[in-house]
Amino acid sequence: MSAIELFSDLLELDTSMLAPKEMVILEADLCTLICDELKEVYRRRYRNYFRLFNFNKEKENHMIETHFIRFIINDILSTHEYDSKGIAYYTDSSEDVVEELATGCNTNPSISLFHKIIVLHRSVRRGLYDYIRDKIKARYLVS
């Protein structure tokens, strides 16, 4: 399933009438919106940490963006549905790569690996993505 199919499914959008160029634009826009909402979830989750170290908004943004994939992988691990070996198998990567991402040693996965991790995250945290979908729909889409 392509990324746009996943996003349109997530937001319950009918994309059958869009031209290919419009689909690419929609996919990029939806990916950005979903990632922005996930970043806000992690901002709230680490609020006390940021306050403890007296981070300003710029430092918070930098930390969240730098460790975004780490937060997502650790969130998957926290569900106990997958361990690092299972994530590696699902994403067709090595366990070492997953461990590097989970510990923050590697903060720049390929777009393909990033996509697979997001798809896996979506499957184990469906409620979170339902919340994000509803929030995006309420904010940006007119029903």
Protein backbone atom coordinates (compact mmCIF):
# COMPACT_ATOMS: atom_id res chain seq x y z
CA MET A 1 0.00 0.00 0.00
CA SER A 2 1.41 3.39 -0.98
CA ALA A 3 1.89 6.20 1.51
CA ILE A 4 -0.91 8.27 0.01
CA GLU A 5 -3.29 5.33 0.35
CA LEU A 6 -2.34 5.05 4.01
CA PHE A 7 -2.82 8.76 4.60
CA SER A 8 -6.06 8.97 2.66
CA ASP A 9 -7.31 5.93 4.56
CA LEU A 10 -6.23 7.55 7.83
CA LEU A 11 -8.16 10.71 6.98
CA GLU A 12 -10.95 8.91 5.14
CA LEU A 13 -10.33 10.90 1.93
CA ASP A 14 -11.48 9.94 -1.58
CA THR A 15 -8.48 10.63 -3.82
CA SER A 16 -9.82 8.96 -6.96
CA MET A 17 -10.45 12.31 -8.70
CA LEU A 18 -6.95 13.73 -8.14
CA ALA A 19 -4.30 14.01 -10.85
CA PRO A 20 -0.90 12.38 -10.15
CA LYS A 21 0.74 15.76 -9.39
CA GLU A 22 -2.08 16.60 -6.99
CA MET A 23 -1.60 13.23 -5.27
CA VAL A 24 2.09 13.99 -4.67
CA ILE A 25 1.25 17.39 -3.21
CA LEU A 26 -1.47 15.89 -1.02
CA GLU A 27 0.86 13.15 0.18
CA ALA A 28 3.56 15.64 1.16
CA ASP A 29 1.05 17.89 2.90
CA LEU A 30 -0.56 15.05 4.85
CA CYS A 31 2.80 13.62 5.86
CA THR A 32 3.82 17.01 7.19
CA LEU A 33 0.57 17.44 9.12
CA ILE A 34 0.80 13.99 10.69
CA CYS A 35 4.46 14.42 11.64
CA ASP A 36 3.70 17.85 13.13
CA GLU A 37 0.95 16.34 15.26
CA LEU A 38 3.23 13.50 16.37
CA LYS A 39 5.87 16.05 17.34
CA GLU A 40 3.29 17.84 19.51
CA VAL A 41 2.44 14.54 21.19
CA TYR A 42 6.12 14.07 22.03
CA ARG A 43 6.44 17.71 23.12
CA ARG A 44 3.68 17.11 25.68
CA ARG A 45 5.21 13.78 26.73
CA TYR A 46 8.61 15.39 27.41
CA ARG A 47 7.24 18.66 28.81
CA ASN A 48 8.73 18.08 32.28
CA TYR A 49 12.14 17.24 30.81
CA PHE A 50 12.12 20.44 28.76
CA ARG A 51 11.06 22.45 31.79
CA LEU A 52 13.75 20.84 33.97
CA PHE A 53 16.47 21.90 31.53
CA ASN A 54 14.82 25.25 30.87
CA PHE A 55 14.55 24.64 27.12
CA ASN A 56 13.08 27.39 25.00
CA LYS A 57 10.80 26.53 22.07
CA GLU A 58 13.74 26.50 19.64
CA LYS A 59 15.69 23.97 21.74
CA GLU A 60 12.56 21.85 22.18
CA ASN A 61 12.00 21.80 18.41
CA HIS A 62 15.61 20.85 17.75
CA MET A 63 15.51 17.98 20.22
CA ILE A 64 12.17 16.66 18.97
CA GLU A 65 13.26 16.82 15.33
CA THR A 66 16.65 15.26 16.04
CA HIS A 67 15.20 12.40 18.06
CA PHE A 68 11.86 12.00 16.29
CA ILE A 69 12.53 8.52 14.90
CA ARG A 70 13.97 7.46 18.26
CA PHE A 71 10.76 8.52 20.02
CA ILE A 72 8.67 6.58 17.51
CA ILE A 73 10.73 3.39 17.79
CA ASN A 74 10.74 3.55 21.57
CA ASP A 75 6.98 4.09 21.49
CA ILE A 76 6.64 0.92 19.39
CA LEU A 77 8.88 -0.95 21.85
CA SER A 78 6.84 0.32 24.81
CA THR A 79 3.74 -1.48 23.48
CA HIS A 80 5.60 -4.82 23.80
CA GLU A 81 4.07 -5.93 20.50
CA TYR A 82 7.50 -5.79 18.84
CA ASP A 83 11.05 -6.00 20.09
CA SER A 84 14.00 -4.62 18.12
CA LYS A 85 14.34 -7.92 16.25
CA GLY A 86 10.67 -7.75 15.23
CA ILE A 87 11.00 -4.15 14.08
CA ALA A 88 14.09 -5.10 12.07
CA TYR A 89 12.21 -7.98 10.46
CA TYR A 90 9.16 -5.83 9.67
CA THR A 91 11.25 -3.01 8.19
CA ASP A 92 13.63 -5.36 6.36
CA SER A 93 16.64 -3.87 8.11
CA SER A 94 19.16 -5.17 10.62
CA GLU A 95 18.62 -5.24 14.36
CA ASP A 96 21.78 -3.12 14.72
CA VAL A 97 20.19 -0.35 12.63
CA VAL A 98 17.04 -0.45 14.75
CA GLU A 99 19.12 -0.32 17.94
CA GLU A 100 21.10 2.66 16.61
CA LEU A 101 17.86 4.48 15.85
CA ALA A 102 16.32 3.57 19.23
CA THR A 103 19.34 4.84 21.15
CA GLY A 104 19.75 7.99 19.09
CA CYS A 105 23.12 7.00 17.61
CA ASN A 106 21.58 7.24 14.14
CA THR A 107 19.10 10.09 13.69
CA ASN A 108 18.88 10.01 9.89
CA PRO A 109 17.25 6.85 8.56
CA SER A 110 16.49 6.50 4.88
CA ILE A 111 13.05 7.68 3.79
CA SER A 112 12.13 4.08 3.01
CA LEU A 113 13.03 2.91 6.52
CA PHE A 114 11.33 5.95 8.05
CA HIS A 115 8.15 5.14 6.11
CA LYS A 116 8.17 1.50 7.23
CA ILE A 117 8.64 2.52 10.85
CA ILE A 118 5.75 5.00 10.64
CA VAL A 119 3.52 2.30 9.11
CA LEU A 120 4.47 -0.08 11.93
CA HIS A 121 3.90 2.64 14.52
CA ARG A 122 0.48 3.28 13.04
CA SER A 123 -0.41 -0.40 13.37
CA VAL A 124 0.56 -0.62 17.05
CA ARG A 125 -0.75 2.82 18.07
CA ARG A 126 -3.96 2.99 16.04
CA GLY A 127 -5.72 5.05 18.71
CA LEU A 128 -3.06 7.75 18.49
CA TYR A 129 -3.45 7.96 14.72
CA ASP A 130 -7.25 8.04 15.06
CA TYR A 131 -6.78 11.01 17.41
CA ILE A 132 -4.45 12.71 14.92
CA ARG A 133 -6.84 12.02 12.04
CA ASP A 134 -9.74 13.55 13.96
CA LYS A 135 -7.66 16.56 14.95
CA ILE A 136 -6.49 17.19 11.38
CA LYS A 137 -9.99 16.72 10.01
CA ALA A 138 -11.44 19.14 12.55
CA ARG A 139 -8.75 21.74 11.89
CA TYR A 140 -8.23 21.54 8.12
CA LEU A 141 -11.03 19.68 6.44
CA VAL A 142 -14.61 20.75 5.98
CA SER A 143 -16.99 17.81 6.16
